[in-house]
């Protein structure tokens, strides 16, 4: 039997990530969640099919599963725990973070609607807006991540505000309460991609945001070994999104869900390390003579330091900075690193480094890259779980070589 606790509402993130809001029984009395590797679920007789279909139409639950695209026990256990740590009523897992973003937007945008995006956002989200939304007859605006900029772009057909928190790569932090207030005034849906913050550092739903999206590939999975995305919010809001997923697919497979749920068991411990290492190394880089500028919301020099300090309990382990030098010197610095792997992504056990202009924006015209700040000497690092002193020593020795 499940063990319900009157104290579960007081449980902290580390406990919620392991148990969810209650402890639930597992098949065969296993401690770990089994991988239910099946594409479909059988019925004993024809009458059972009829009764099951009737029960679905009436909102009753005779049994939970019929076909793998509609749900899987491993997936649902993982969703239960993700909802618990986010403080959401429901979580819906997708195959990737971008699947979660795109299907969520397409589900909730009005016909002939208008979406406001903030400009310092994930490159693929920006490309979806500019390249695909017009094909569906949907308008969009891409604005600075400020309340004034968002307010100035609201039109009669606007129905969604979409932003990231923090943004990528400059880690801008927008005032959530102001977004909620303006959304209520104009009856808009608010969607925040909080991948960079994680529910350990901020819970936008608690402040009135309608929907939160994460690339679970990053901090939630935490080991650079899976792809997944998740959308979270109230049950009645997410019902239509679930219907969209049932139709289109884009589900997380059972093994990825198993890996993700396993990653959640160390989520809180990992985030403590990420937060401490991120601040310590950002401070080191800001004081280094070969670094021109650092963006990290935990630094007083960051433009959103005040609001970030008010809203967030930690700032993660992604740091963006400008190397003093040109493309050749920046590449020499990156190539001299021993502990940092040259690759995109973030939030895993290994530390990663990206030269933004080449890794993420290489196919953009040079002038456009520069206009959005993607200069040759812009570098983003995503710290892993290595010893912080070892990472500092590695960064310093690489900077010494330029």
Protein backbone atom coordinates (compact mmCIF):
# COMPACT_ATOMS: atom_id res chain seq x y z
CA UNK A 1 0.00 0.00 0.00
CA UNK A 2 1.09 3.56 -0.58
CA UNK A 3 2.26 5.43 2.47
CA UNK A 4 0.64 8.84 2.65
CA UNK A 5 2.23 11.32 5.00
CA UNK A 6 0.67 14.36 6.60
CA UNK A 7 4.15 15.84 6.52
CA UNK A 8 4.62 15.48 2.74
CA UNK A 9 3.68 19.10 2.09
CA UNK A 10 6.71 20.08 4.17
CA UNK A 11 9.10 17.77 2.38
CA UNK A 12 12.05 19.53 0.77
CA UNK A 13 13.31 19.09 -2.83
CA UNK A 14 15.71 16.24 -2.06
CA UNK A 15 12.91 14.18 -0.50
CA UNK A 16 10.31 15.08 -3.13
CA UNK A 17 12.70 14.13 -5.94
CA UNK A 18 13.13 10.65 -4.47
CA UNK A 19 9.59 9.86 -3.30
CA UNK A 20 7.24 12.41 -4.85
CA UNK A 21 4.46 13.63 -2.55
CA UNK A 22 3.81 10.07 -1.34
CA UNK A 23 5.65 6.78 -1.34
CA UNK A 24 4.00 4.47 -3.86
CA UNK A 25 4.30 0.68 -4.20
CA UNK A 26 6.39 -0.77 -7.03
CA UNK A 27 5.86 -3.96 -9.03
CA UNK A 28 7.34 -7.04 -7.38
CA UNK A 29 8.14 -4.91 -4.28
CA UNK A 30 11.16 -3.42 -6.03
CA UNK A 31 12.78 -0.34 -4.53
CA UNK A 32 13.71 1.17 -7.90
CA UNK A 33 11.05 1.85 -10.52
CA UNK A 34 10.98 -1.01 -13.08
CA UNK A 35 11.42 -0.30 -16.79
CA UNK A 36 8.12 -1.32 -18.38
CA UNK A 37 9.41 -1.94 -21.89
CA UNK A 38 6.24 -2.55 -23.85
CA UNK A 39 4.41 -0.83 -26.69
CA UNK A 40 0.92 -2.04 -25.82
CA UNK A 41 -1.20 -3.60 -23.05
CA UNK A 42 -3.55 -6.55 -23.51
CA UNK A 43 -7.20 -7.13 -22.53
CA UNK A 44 -8.43 -10.52 -21.33
CA UNK A 45 -11.64 -10.48 -23.35
CA UNK A 46 -13.63 -8.33 -25.77
CA UNK A 47 -16.06 -7.17 -23.10
CA UNK A 48 -13.13 -5.68 -21.19
CA UNK A 49 -12.35 -3.47 -24.19
CA UNK A 50 -15.94 -2.19 -24.31
CA UNK A 51 -16.00 -1.49 -20.57
CA UNK A 52 -12.64 0.27 -20.78
CA UNK A 53 -13.79 2.52 -23.62
CA UNK A 54 -16.99 3.37 -21.75
CA UNK A 55 -15.06 4.22 -18.60
CA UNK A 56 -12.77 6.59 -20.51
CA UNK A 57 -15.73 8.46 -21.94
CA UNK A 58 -17.30 8.80 -18.50
CA UNK A 59 -14.09 9.91 -16.81
CA UNK A 60 -13.79 6.70 -14.77
CA UNK A 61 -10.56 4.70 -14.51
CA UNK A 62 -10.86 0.94 -14.89
CA UNK A 63 -7.23 0.52 -15.88
CA UNK A 64 -4.49 2.98 -16.71
CA UNK A 65 -2.92 1.73 -19.92
CA UNK A 66 -3.86 0.55 -23.37
CA UNK A 67 -1.12 1.77 -25.77
CA UNK A 68 2.41 3.02 -25.24
CA UNK A 69 1.88 6.39 -26.93
CA UNK A 70 -0.78 7.20 -24.35
CA UNK A 71 1.28 6.43 -21.26
CA UNK A 72 3.70 4.05 -19.60
CA UNK A 73 4.11 3.13 -15.90
CA UNK A 74 7.81 4.09 -15.86
CA UNK A 75 6.99 7.41 -17.51
CA UNK A 76 4.14 8.15 -15.12
CA UNK A 77 6.23 7.48 -12.01
CA UNK A 78 8.85 9.90 -13.32
CA UNK A 79 6.16 12.50 -14.13
CA UNK A 80 4.76 12.16 -10.61
CA UNK A 81 8.11 13.06 -9.06
CA UNK A 82 8.80 15.89 -11.50
CA UNK A 83 5.44 17.41 -10.61
CA UNK A 84 6.26 17.09 -6.91
CA UNK A 85 9.56 18.96 -7.06
CA UNK A 86 8.08 21.68 -9.31
CA UNK A 87 5.00 22.08 -7.12
CA UNK A 88 2.77 21.29 -10.11
CA UNK A 89 -0.44 19.30 -10.30
CA UNK A 90 0.71 17.50 -13.42
CA UNK A 91 3.79 16.86 -15.53
CA UNK A 92 3.85 15.61 -19.13
CA UNK A 93 7.09 14.10 -20.40
CA UNK A 94 8.26 14.47 -24.01
CA UNK A 95 11.09 12.98 -26.04
CA UNK A 96 13.10 16.23 -25.98
CA UNK A 97 12.98 19.72 -24.53
CA UNK A 98 12.14 21.22 -27.92
CA UNK A 99 9.23 18.79 -28.33
CA UNK A 100 7.89 20.10 -25.03
CA UNK A 101 8.36 23.74 -26.11
CA UNK A 102 6.85 23.41 -29.59
CA UNK A 103 3.88 21.20 -28.72
CA UNK A 104 3.07 23.38 -25.72
CA UNK A 105 3.07 26.53 -27.85
CA UNK A 106 1.02 24.96 -30.64
CA UNK A 107 -1.51 23.65 -28.13
CA UNK A 108 -2.20 26.98 -26.47
CA UNK A 109 -1.75 29.58 -29.21
CA UNK A 110 -5.00 30.96 -30.66
CA UNK A 111 -5.87 30.68 -34.33
CA UNK A 112 -4.39 33.79 -35.91
CA UNK A 113 -2.76 34.52 -32.58
CA UNK A 114 0.37 36.37 -31.56
CA UNK A 115 3.18 35.14 -29.26
CA UNK A 116 5.72 37.36 -27.54
CA UNK A 117 9.19 35.80 -27.11
CA UNK A 118 12.13 37.34 -25.30
CA UNK A 119 15.16 37.60 -27.54
CA UNK A 120 17.93 36.06 -25.45
CA UNK A 121 16.48 32.58 -25.72
CA UNK A 122 17.53 29.17 -26.97
CA UNK A 123 18.46 29.35 -30.64
CA UNK A 124 16.05 26.58 -31.72
CA UNK A 125 13.13 28.29 -29.97
CA UNK A 126 13.99 31.47 -31.86
CA UNK A 127 14.22 29.55 -35.15
CA UNK A 128 10.84 27.92 -34.51
CA UNK A 129 9.33 31.37 -34.10
CA UNK A 130 10.91 32.92 -37.18
CA UNK A 131 10.80 29.96 -39.58
CA UNK A 132 7.69 27.95 -38.71
CA UNK A 133 5.10 30.07 -36.92
CA UNK A 134 4.40 32.23 -40.01
CA UNK A 135 3.51 29.05 -41.95
CA UNK A 136 0.67 28.49 -39.47
CA UNK A 137 -0.53 32.08 -39.75
CA UNK A 138 0.70 32.88 -36.25
CA UNK A 139 2.35 36.23 -35.56
CA UNK A 140 5.24 36.70 -33.16
CA UNK A 141 7.42 39.38 -31.64
CA UNK A 142 10.92 38.92 -30.25
CA UNK A 143 11.74 41.54 -27.64
CA UNK A 144 14.24 42.40 -24.91
CA UNK A 145 13.69 40.39 -21.69
CA UNK A 146 12.15 43.34 -19.85
CA UNK A 147 8.60 44.11 -18.77
CA UNK A 148 8.57 47.39 -20.69
CA UNK A 149 9.58 45.65 -23.92
CA UNK A 150 6.97 42.94 -23.46
CA UNK A 151 4.22 45.45 -22.63
CA UNK A 152 4.94 47.51 -25.73
CA UNK A 153 4.38 44.50 -28.01
CA UNK A 154 1.00 43.33 -26.69
CA UNK A 155 -1.63 43.37 -29.46
CA UNK A 156 -5.31 42.50 -29.68
CA UNK A 157 -4.45 38.98 -30.87
CA UNK A 158 -1.64 38.33 -28.36
CA UNK A 159 -2.38 35.36 -26.14
CA UNK A 160 1.01 33.96 -25.02
CA UNK A 161 4.11 35.40 -23.36
CA UNK A 162 7.06 33.01 -23.61
CA UNK A 163 10.37 33.61 -21.91
CA UNK A 164 13.28 31.74 -20.32
CA UNK A 165 14.57 32.10 -16.79
CA UNK A 166 17.46 32.66 -16.83
CA UNK A 167 17.86 33.26 -20.55
CA UNK A 168 20.54 31.70 -22.71
CA UNK A 169 23.38 32.66 -23.01
CA UNK A 170 23.35 35.99 -21.12
CA UNK A 171 21.42 34.61 -18.15
CA UNK A 172 18.95 37.49 -17.97
CA UNK A 173 16.39 37.19 -15.17
CA UNK A 174 12.98 38.76 -15.68
CA UNK A 175 10.64 39.84 -12.88
CA UNK A 176 8.06 37.03 -12.62
CA UNK A 177 5.53 39.02 -10.61
CA UNK A 178 5.48 41.75 -13.26
CA UNK A 179 4.90 39.16 -16.01
CA UNK A 180 2.02 37.64 -14.06
CA UNK A 181 0.45 41.06 -13.44
CA UNK A 182 0.57 42.11 -17.08
CA UNK A 183 -0.70 38.68 -18.21
CA UNK A 184 -3.69 38.94 -15.88
CA UNK A 185 -4.43 42.44 -17.14
CA UNK A 186 -4.64 41.27 -20.77
CA UNK A 187 -5.77 37.67 -20.12
CA UNK A 188 -2.58 36.11 -21.54
CA UNK A 189 -1.05 32.67 -20.99
CA UNK A 190 2.43 32.75 -19.45
CA UNK A 191 4.97 30.05 -20.31
CA UNK A 192 8.48 29.98 -18.85
CA UNK A 193 11.32 27.71 -19.92
CA UNK A 194 13.06 27.33 -16.56
CA UNK A 195 15.67 24.80 -17.68
CA UNK A 196 18.58 26.98 -16.55
CA UNK A 197 17.09 27.69 -13.11
CA UNK A 198 15.54 24.28 -12.32
CA UNK A 199 12.82 23.89 -9.67
CA UNK A 200 15.60 23.79 -7.07
CA UNK A 201 16.38 27.48 -7.64
CA UNK A 202 12.98 28.88 -8.59
CA UNK A 203 9.34 27.72 -8.89
CA UNK A 204 7.51 30.04 -11.29
CA UNK A 205 4.16 28.28 -10.76
CA UNK A 206 4.14 29.44 -7.13
CA UNK A 207 4.19 33.04 -8.38
CA UNK A 208 1.27 32.57 -10.77
CA UNK A 209 2.97 31.52 -14.03
CA UNK A 210 0.63 29.20 -15.97
CA UNK A 211 3.07 26.70 -17.49
CA UNK A 212 6.71 25.75 -16.91
CA UNK A 213 8.84 23.86 -19.43
CA UNK A 214 12.21 22.16 -18.89
CA UNK A 215 14.70 20.39 -21.05
CA UNK A 216 15.04 17.42 -18.70
CA UNK A 217 18.16 16.49 -20.66
CA UNK A 218 19.99 19.07 -18.56
CA UNK A 219 20.01 19.43 -14.75
CA UNK A 220 17.02 17.16 -14.10
CA UNK A 221 18.62 14.16 -15.81
CA UNK A 222 22.03 15.42 -14.78
CA UNK A 223 24.33 12.86 -16.37
CA UNK A 224 24.63 13.77 -20.08
CA UNK A 225 23.05 10.43 -21.02
CA UNK A 226 19.41 11.05 -21.98
CA UNK A 227 17.07 13.28 -23.98
CA UNK A 228 13.74 14.39 -22.51
CA UNK A 229 11.52 17.42 -22.01
CA UNK A 230 8.73 18.14 -19.56
CA UNK A 231 5.82 20.58 -19.33
CA UNK A 232 4.25 21.24 -15.94
CA UNK A 233 1.20 23.07 -14.60
CA UNK A 234 -2.36 22.56 -13.40
CA UNK A 235 -4.23 19.47 -14.56
CA UNK A 236 -7.06 21.34 -16.25
CA UNK A 237 -4.60 23.48 -18.21
CA UNK A 238 -2.54 20.52 -19.40
CA UNK A 239 -5.43 18.30 -20.54
CA UNK A 240 -5.36 19.69 -24.07
CA UNK A 241 -1.58 19.29 -24.23
CA UNK A 242 -1.95 15.63 -23.29
CA UNK A 243 -4.45 15.19 -26.11
CA UNK A 244 -1.95 16.77 -28.49
CA UNK A 245 0.74 14.39 -27.32
CA UNK A 246 -1.54 11.37 -27.73
CA UNK A 247 -2.10 12.43 -31.33
CA UNK A 248 1.44 13.38 -32.36
CA UNK A 249 3.56 11.14 -30.16
CA UNK A 250 6.90 12.62 -29.14
CA UNK A 251 6.85 10.67 -25.90
CA UNK A 252 9.80 9.86 -23.68
CA UNK A 253 10.70 6.16 -23.99
CA UNK A 254 10.65 3.93 -20.87
CA UNK A 255 14.43 3.62 -20.59
CA UNK A 256 14.95 7.40 -20.78
CA UNK A 257 12.26 7.82 -18.12
CA UNK A 258 14.08 5.28 -15.95
CA UNK A 259 17.35 7.21 -16.35
CA UNK A 260 15.63 10.52 -15.65
CA UNK A 261 13.92 9.23 -12.51
CA UNK A 262 17.23 7.80 -11.33
CA UNK A 263 18.88 11.18 -11.96
CA UNK A 264 16.24 12.90 -9.84
CA UNK A 265 17.38 10.94 -6.79
CA UNK A 266 20.59 13.00 -6.68
CA UNK A 267 19.02 16.21 -8.04
CA UNK A 268 19.20 18.26 -4.83
CA UNK A 269 22.76 17.21 -3.99
CA UNK A 270 23.91 17.98 -7.53
CA UNK A 271 22.25 21.39 -7.54
CA UNK A 272 23.96 22.35 -4.29
CA UNK A 273 27.31 21.62 -5.94
CA UNK A 274 26.33 23.41 -9.16
CA UNK A 275 25.23 26.53 -7.30
CA UNK A 276 28.33 26.75 -5.10
CA UNK A 277 30.77 26.01 -7.93
CA UNK A 278 28.99 28.40 -10.31
CA UNK A 279 29.30 31.39 -7.98
CA UNK A 280 32.88 30.63 -6.96
CA UNK A 281 34.13 30.22 -10.53
CA UNK A 282 32.15 33.22 -11.82
CA UNK A 283 33.85 35.36 -9.16
CA UNK A 284 37.25 33.99 -10.16
CA UNK A 285 36.67 34.70 -13.85
CA UNK A 286 35.42 38.23 -13.19
CA UNK A 287 38.64 39.05 -11.34
CA UNK A 288 40.93 37.47 -13.96
CA UNK A 289 42.93 39.95 -16.07
CA UNK A 290 42.35 37.99 -19.30
CA UNK A 291 38.56 38.05 -19.02
CA UNK A 292 36.79 41.09 -20.43
CA UNK A 293 33.26 40.55 -19.02
CA UNK A 294 31.26 37.88 -17.17
CA UNK A 295 27.51 37.20 -17.15
CA UNK A 296 26.29 35.31 -14.09
CA UNK A 297 23.16 36.38 -12.16
CA UNK A 298 24.89 35.78 -8.82
CA UNK A 299 27.40 38.56 -9.54
CA UNK A 300 26.57 42.13 -8.56
CA UNK A 301 27.80 43.24 -11.99
CA UNK A 302 24.99 41.34 -13.72
CA UNK A 303 22.19 43.66 -14.92
CA UNK A 304 19.54 41.53 -13.19
CA UNK A 305 21.42 40.77 -9.98
CA UNK A 306 18.84 42.46 -7.75
CA UNK A 307 15.79 40.66 -9.10
CA UNK A 308 17.71 37.36 -9.40
CA UNK A 309 18.70 37.58 -5.73
CA UNK A 310 15.07 38.17 -4.77
CA UNK A 311 13.58 35.39 -6.91
CA UNK A 312 16.21 32.66 -6.97
CA UNK A 313 17.72 30.55 -4.20
CA UNK A 314 20.76 29.71 -6.34
CA UNK A 315 22.13 30.57 -9.78
CA UNK A 316 23.26 27.31 -11.34
CA UNK A 317 26.55 26.53 -13.03
CA UNK A 318 26.34 28.13 -16.46
CA UNK A 319 28.68 31.11 -16.89
CA UNK A 320 29.07 33.22 -20.02
CA UNK A 321 32.07 35.48 -20.56
CA UNK A 322 34.21 37.36 -23.05
CA UNK A 323 37.85 36.39 -23.42
CA UNK A 324 40.19 39.32 -23.98
CA UNK A 325 41.30 38.57 -27.50
CA UNK A 326 40.17 37.48 -30.95
CA UNK A 327 39.00 34.20 -32.42
CA UNK A 328 42.47 32.63 -32.42
CA UNK A 329 43.11 33.45 -28.78
CA UNK A 330 39.66 32.26 -27.76
CA UNK A 331 40.18 28.94 -29.56
CA UNK A 332 43.60 28.56 -27.94
CA UNK A 333 42.04 29.05 -24.51
CA UNK A 334 39.34 26.46 -25.22
CA UNK A 335 41.78 23.95 -26.72
CA UNK A 336 44.07 24.29 -23.70
CA UNK A 337 41.39 23.17 -21.25
CA UNK A 338 41.84 19.65 -19.88
CA UNK A 339 38.63 19.10 -17.93
CA UNK A 340 36.11 20.86 -20.19
CA UNK A 341 34.59 18.97 -23.13
CA UNK A 342 33.84 21.00 -26.29
CA UNK A 343 30.14 20.38 -26.82
CA UNK A 344 26.74 22.07 -26.35
CA UNK A 345 24.32 21.31 -23.49
CA UNK A 346 24.65 21.80 -19.73
CA UNK A 347 23.69 20.44 -16.34
CA UNK A 348 25.54 17.11 -16.45
CA UNK A 349 28.39 15.53 -14.52
CA UNK A 350 31.08 16.61 -17.00
CA UNK A 351 32.07 20.25 -17.49
CA UNK A 352 31.38 21.59 -20.99
CA UNK A 353 32.59 24.57 -23.00
CA UNK A 354 31.10 26.28 -26.05
CA UNK A 355 32.36 29.05 -28.31
CA UNK A 356 28.92 30.45 -29.02
CA UNK A 357 29.61 31.93 -32.47
CA UNK A 358 30.78 28.62 -33.90
CA UNK A 359 28.95 25.95 -31.90
CA UNK A 360 25.44 27.40 -31.84
CA UNK A 361 25.36 30.22 -34.41
CA UNK A 362 27.87 29.20 -37.10
CA UNK A 363 25.28 29.10 -39.91
CA UNK A 364 24.12 32.66 -39.18
CA UNK A 365 25.53 35.50 -41.26
CA UNK A 366 28.50 37.09 -39.50
CA UNK A 367 26.91 40.53 -39.29
CA UNK A 368 23.73 39.09 -37.77
CA UNK A 369 25.76 37.06 -35.26
CA UNK A 370 27.51 40.22 -34.11
CA UNK A 371 24.22 42.14 -33.94
CA UNK A 372 22.89 39.67 -31.35
CA UNK A 373 26.17 39.61 -29.43
CA UNK A 374 27.58 36.32 -30.70
CA UNK A 375 31.15 37.56 -31.10
CA UNK A 376 34.13 35.27 -31.63
CA UNK A 377 35.37 35.73 -28.06
CA UNK A 378 32.03 34.86 -26.38
CA UNK A 379 32.38 31.63 -24.38
CA UNK A 380 29.86 29.70 -22.32
CA UNK A 381 30.91 27.11 -19.78
CA UNK A 382 28.58 24.64 -18.05
CA UNK A 383 30.23 23.27 -14.93
CA UNK A 384 29.92 19.61 -14.09
CA UNK A 385 30.48 17.87 -10.77
CA UNK A 386 34.27 17.85 -10.77
CA UNK A 387 36.11 19.32 -7.79
CA UNK A 388 35.73 23.09 -7.94
CA UNK A 389 39.41 23.75 -7.22
CA UNK A 390 40.42 21.47 -10.09
CA UNK A 391 38.14 23.38 -12.47
CA UNK A 392 39.56 26.72 -11.33
CA UNK A 393 43.11 25.48 -11.83
CA UNK A 394 42.22 24.22 -15.31
CA UNK A 395 40.63 27.53 -16.34
CA UNK A 396 43.59 29.50 -15.02
CA UNK A 397 46.21 27.40 -16.79
CA UNK A 398 44.28 27.70 -20.08
CA UNK A 399 43.99 31.48 -19.70
CA UNK A 400 47.72 31.65 -18.98
CA UNK A 401 48.37 30.27 -22.45
CA UNK A 402 46.81 33.23 -24.28
